[in-house]
Amino acid sequence: MEIKQKPSKNFSSRQGRKIIAIVDHITAGAFSGAVSWLCNPAAKASAHYVISRAGEIIQLVADENKAWHGGEVNKPNWPLYDGHDPNLYTIGIEHEGYKDQGGNGQLTEDQYQATLWLHRQLIAKHGIKIDRDHIVGHYRIDSVNRPNCPGPAFPWDRLFDDLENKPVSQVPGPFPDVTGDRWSAGHIAWCKENDWLKGFEDGTFRPDAPMTREQMAVILARLRDKGVI
């Protein structure tokens, strides 16, 4: 799957906090409008990722930065809340849904497969535990104003069953020689999806091989051409 980039300026520092959990949300609006709003400084809100009902994934805020997705903490029912801003130590995923188009949290199959894939990538990348305290809905943080985020029909049971019974170690990695449970699999997958790294002609990545100066020059030129540097 591909993660498209649409950087939002609505982010700040994690202040050194480690990512320990994923918070799932529903947009309560159409995909394009939600993405646009979360990139608007007037919103004073954002998320790390937004997933459309067609299964498209857009990243708005880099994982290492704090997205503003948690809002206010109001009568939380979440044992990992430590009295500090939950945005500091969580990743926020918004799922497109509104009115009778998944507004109750019912995802399309394409959307479900996309969020399952993304959850697996984030679990591998950040070492997030697979349980109902480390993967939560927004309603666990704000039970007063967000009691239906991501909604009663959100597929929690199916998601945890898939994550627990087919863990990351059984999920193919981004290259044949990079397994899903490798510590760097998520990072390598992200670079591959964004066309920063291509691997070798035989389809391998050779993660333990040293990098030559020639190879580094090719990567830097590719980043230059994409406007990254």
Protein backbone atom coordinates (compact mmCIF):
# COMPACT_ATOMS: atom_id res chain seq x y z
CA MET A 1 0.00 0.00 0.00
CA GLU A 2 1.03 3.60 -0.52
CA ILE A 3 1.11 6.43 1.99
CA LYS A 4 0.70 9.77 0.27
CA GLN A 5 2.08 12.92 1.85
CA LYS A 6 0.17 16.15 2.39
CA PRO A 7 2.05 17.98 5.14
CA SER A 8 0.05 19.96 7.66
CA LYS A 9 1.60 22.78 9.66
CA ASN A 10 -0.59 21.86 12.60
CA PHE A 11 1.94 20.03 14.73
CA SER A 12 4.43 20.58 17.52
CA SER A 13 7.14 18.76 19.46
CA ARG A 14 6.62 15.52 21.36
CA GLN A 15 8.99 16.93 23.99
CA GLY A 16 10.95 13.72 24.03
CA ARG A 17 7.99 11.46 24.78
CA LYS A 18 7.93 7.95 23.31
CA ILE A 19 5.01 6.82 21.17
CA ILE A 20 3.11 4.16 23.10
CA ALA A 21 -0.39 4.08 21.61
CA ILE A 22 -2.62 4.57 18.57
CA VAL A 23 -5.84 6.58 18.79
CA ASP A 24 -8.50 5.89 16.16
CA HIS A 25 -10.97 8.57 15.06
CA ILE A 26 -13.85 9.13 12.61
CA THR A 27 -13.81 12.35 10.55
CA ALA A 28 -17.54 13.24 10.63
CA GLY A 29 -16.97 14.67 7.16
CA ALA A 30 -15.88 13.78 3.63
CA PHE A 31 -12.26 12.83 2.99
CA SER A 32 -11.13 15.83 0.95
CA GLY A 33 -12.79 18.30 3.29
CA ALA A 34 -11.34 16.62 6.37
CA VAL A 35 -7.82 16.62 4.94
CA SER A 36 -8.14 20.27 3.93
CA TRP A 37 -9.45 21.27 7.36
CA LEU A 38 -6.72 19.40 9.22
CA CYS A 39 -4.16 21.32 7.16
CA ASN A 40 -5.81 24.67 7.92
CA PRO A 41 -4.11 26.60 10.76
CA ALA A 42 -7.55 27.86 11.81
CA ALA A 43 -8.53 24.29 12.71
CA LYS A 44 -5.92 24.04 15.45
CA ALA A 45 -6.27 20.31 14.89
CA SER A 46 -4.60 17.59 12.84
CA ALA A 47 -3.90 13.87 12.71
CA HIS A 48 -0.94 11.83 11.63
CA TYR A 49 -2.97 9.87 9.07
CA VAL A 50 -6.34 10.05 7.32
CA ILE A 51 -7.83 7.00 5.57
CA SER A 52 -10.54 7.41 2.93
CA ARG A 53 -13.45 5.04 2.34
CA ALA A 54 -11.67 4.00 -0.85
CA GLY A 55 -8.63 2.91 1.20
CA GLU A 56 -6.37 5.86 0.38
CA ILE A 57 -3.91 6.76 3.15
CA ILE A 58 -2.60 10.30 3.53
CA GLN A 59 -0.02 11.33 6.11
CA LEU A 60 -0.37 14.87 7.40
CA VAL A 61 2.10 14.87 10.29
CA ALA A 62 5.32 12.89 10.65
CA ASP A 63 5.25 10.25 13.37
CA GLU A 64 8.06 11.94 15.28
CA ASN A 65 5.98 15.10 15.68
CA LYS A 66 2.92 15.69 17.85
CA ALA A 67 -0.30 15.93 15.88
CA TRP A 68 -3.23 17.73 17.51
CA HIS A 69 -5.81 14.97 17.38
CA GLY A 70 -6.66 14.20 20.99
CA GLY A 71 -8.49 17.40 21.83
CA GLU A 72 -9.55 17.90 25.42
CA VAL A 73 -9.28 15.20 28.03
CA ASN A 74 -12.72 14.83 29.58
CA LYS A 75 -13.62 11.97 31.94
CA PRO A 76 -11.14 9.59 30.30
CA ASN A 77 -11.46 5.84 30.56
CA TRP A 78 -7.90 5.06 29.62
CA PRO A 79 -5.34 3.72 32.11
CA LEU A 80 -2.39 4.99 30.05
CA TYR A 81 -3.44 8.61 30.53
CA ASP A 82 -0.81 10.03 32.87
CA GLY A 83 -2.11 13.55 33.36
CA HIS A 84 -0.17 14.95 30.42
CA ASP A 85 -1.33 15.77 26.89
CA PRO A 86 -2.10 12.39 25.21
CA ASN A 87 -0.96 13.84 21.89
CA LEU A 88 2.59 13.70 23.21
CA TYR A 89 2.68 9.91 23.25
CA THR A 90 0.08 8.78 20.71
CA ILE A 91 -0.44 8.55 16.96
CA GLY A 92 -3.80 9.67 15.60
CA ILE A 93 -5.56 7.97 12.67
CA GLU A 94 -8.68 9.56 11.20
CA HIS A 95 -11.09 7.42 9.15
CA GLU A 96 -13.43 9.04 6.67
CA GLY A 97 -17.01 8.65 7.81
CA TYR A 98 -20.08 10.88 7.89
CA LYS A 99 -23.86 10.54 8.26
CA ASP A 100 -24.92 7.28 6.57
CA GLN A 101 -21.49 6.85 4.94
CA GLY A 102 -19.72 5.24 7.86
CA GLY A 103 -20.49 7.97 10.35
CA ASN A 104 -21.15 5.25 12.93
CA GLY A 105 -17.65 3.86 12.42
CA GLN A 106 -18.58 1.20 9.88
CA LEU A 107 -15.61 1.04 7.51
CA THR A 108 -15.63 -0.12 3.92
CA GLU A 109 -13.59 -3.25 3.21
CA ASP A 110 -10.94 -1.21 1.40
CA GLN A 111 -10.78 1.19 4.32
CA TYR A 112 -10.53 -1.65 6.82
CA GLN A 113 -7.68 -3.32 4.95
CA ALA A 114 -5.86 0.01 4.75
CA THR A 115 -6.17 0.70 8.46
CA LEU A 116 -5.20 -2.88 9.33
CA TRP A 117 -2.08 -2.50 7.20
CA LEU A 118 -1.27 0.89 8.72
CA HIS A 119 -1.76 -0.39 12.27
CA ARG A 120 0.65 -3.23 11.54
CA GLN A 121 3.25 -0.84 10.15
CA LEU A 122 2.99 1.45 13.18
CA ILE A 123 3.09 -1.46 15.63
CA ALA A 124 6.29 -2.73 14.01
CA LYS A 125 7.88 0.70 13.70
CA HIS A 126 7.20 1.93 17.23
CA GLY A 127 6.91 -1.28 19.23
CA ILE A 128 3.29 -0.61 20.19
CA LYS A 129 1.59 -3.37 22.17
CA ILE A 130 -1.45 -5.06 20.69
CA ASP A 131 -4.15 -4.64 23.30
CA ARG A 132 -7.18 -2.47 24.02
CA ASP A 133 -5.22 0.03 26.07
CA HIS A 134 -2.53 0.70 23.47
CA ILE A 135 -4.95 0.86 20.51
CA VAL A 136 -7.97 2.93 21.51
CA GLY A 137 -10.78 5.11 20.26
CA HIS A 138 -10.95 8.85 20.89
CA TYR A 139 -13.92 8.23 23.19
CA ARG A 140 -11.53 6.68 25.72
CA ILE A 141 -9.84 10.08 26.09
CA ASP A 142 -12.96 12.29 25.90
CA SER A 143 -16.03 10.31 26.88
CA VAL A 144 -18.16 13.47 27.14
CA ASN A 145 -17.70 15.30 23.83
CA ARG A 146 -16.50 12.39 21.69
CA PRO A 147 -18.57 9.40 22.87
CA ASN A 148 -19.06 8.21 19.28
CA CYS A 149 -15.54 8.61 17.96
CA PRO A 150 -14.82 6.43 16.05
CA GLY A 151 -18.35 5.06 16.53
CA PRO A 152 -20.21 1.98 17.77
CA ALA A 153 -19.75 0.10 14.48
CA PHE A 154 -15.97 0.49 14.39
CA PRO A 155 -14.58 -3.04 13.85
CA TRP A 156 -12.62 -3.39 17.08
CA ASP A 157 -13.10 -7.14 17.46
CA ARG A 158 -12.06 -7.86 13.88
CA LEU A 159 -9.08 -5.51 14.11
CA PHE A 160 -7.71 -7.10 17.27
CA ASP A 161 -8.38 -10.59 15.98
CA ASP A 162 -6.41 -9.86 12.82
CA LEU A 163 -3.60 -8.12 14.71
CA GLU A 164 -3.31 -10.83 17.37
CA ASN A 165 -3.81 -13.92 15.23
CA LYS A 166 -1.75 -12.72 12.29
CA PRO A 167 0.93 -10.64 14.00
CA VAL A 168 3.48 -8.48 12.25
CA SER A 169 6.00 -11.32 12.25
CA GLN A 170 3.72 -13.18 9.82
CA VAL A 171 3.11 -10.17 7.59
CA PRO A 172 5.33 -9.84 4.51
CA GLY A 173 7.86 -7.03 4.79
CA PRO A 174 8.59 -4.40 2.15
CA PHE A 175 11.29 -6.61 0.60
CA PRO A 176 11.79 -10.40 0.60
CA ASP A 177 14.77 -10.05 2.94
CA VAL A 178 13.04 -7.56 5.29
CA THR A 179 10.50 -9.40 7.42
CA GLY A 180 7.55 -7.61 9.00
CA ASP A 181 8.93 -8.07 12.52
CA ARG A 182 12.33 -6.51 11.75
CA TRP A 183 12.87 -3.41 13.91
CA SER A 184 13.37 -1.22 10.83
CA ALA A 185 10.62 -2.73 8.64
CA GLY A 186 8.24 0.19 9.09
CA HIS A 187 10.90 2.75 8.26
CA ILE A 188 12.06 0.83 5.20
CA ALA A 189 8.47 0.36 4.00
CA TRP A 190 7.80 4.08 4.36
CA CYS A 191 10.89 4.95 2.31
CA LYS A 192 9.93 2.43 -0.37
CA GLU A 193 6.33 3.66 -0.57
CA ASN A 194 7.53 7.22 -1.02
CA ASP A 195 10.02 6.11 -3.71
CA TRP A 196 13.08 7.12 -1.72
CA LEU A 197 14.56 3.63 -1.74
CA LYS A 198 14.14 1.07 -4.51
CA GLY A 199 16.27 -1.90 -3.47
CA PHE A 200 18.43 -3.94 -5.81
CA GLU A 201 17.65 -5.35 -9.24
CA ASP A 202 17.03 -8.82 -7.77
CA GLY A 203 14.25 -7.35 -5.59
CA THR A 204 16.16 -7.53 -2.31
CA PHE A 205 17.05 -4.73 0.08
CA ARG A 206 20.09 -6.27 1.82
CA PRO A 207 19.47 -4.43 5.11
CA ASP A 208 22.74 -5.54 6.72
CA ALA A 209 24.99 -4.69 3.77
CA PRO A 210 27.19 -1.57 4.01
CA MET A 211 26.23 1.41 1.84
CA THR A 212 28.71 2.76 -0.67
CA ARG A 213 29.24 6.45 -1.34
CA GLU A 214 27.88 5.85 -4.83
CA GLN A 215 24.63 4.48 -3.45
CA MET A 216 24.35 7.40 -1.02
CA ALA A 217 24.82 9.84 -3.93
CA VAL A 218 21.96 8.17 -5.84
CA ILE A 219 19.64 8.44 -2.83
CA LEU A 220 20.53 12.08 -2.22
CA ALA A 221 19.92 12.89 -5.89
CA ARG A 222 16.53 11.18 -5.69
CA LEU A 223 15.60 13.22 -2.62
CA ARG A 224 16.74 16.37 -4.39
CA ASP A 225 14.57 15.61 -7.40
CA LYS A 226 11.58 15.14 -5.11
CA GLY A 227 12.20 18.47 -3.43
CA VAL A 228 12.97 16.91 -0.06
CA ILE A 229 16.44 18.46 0.15
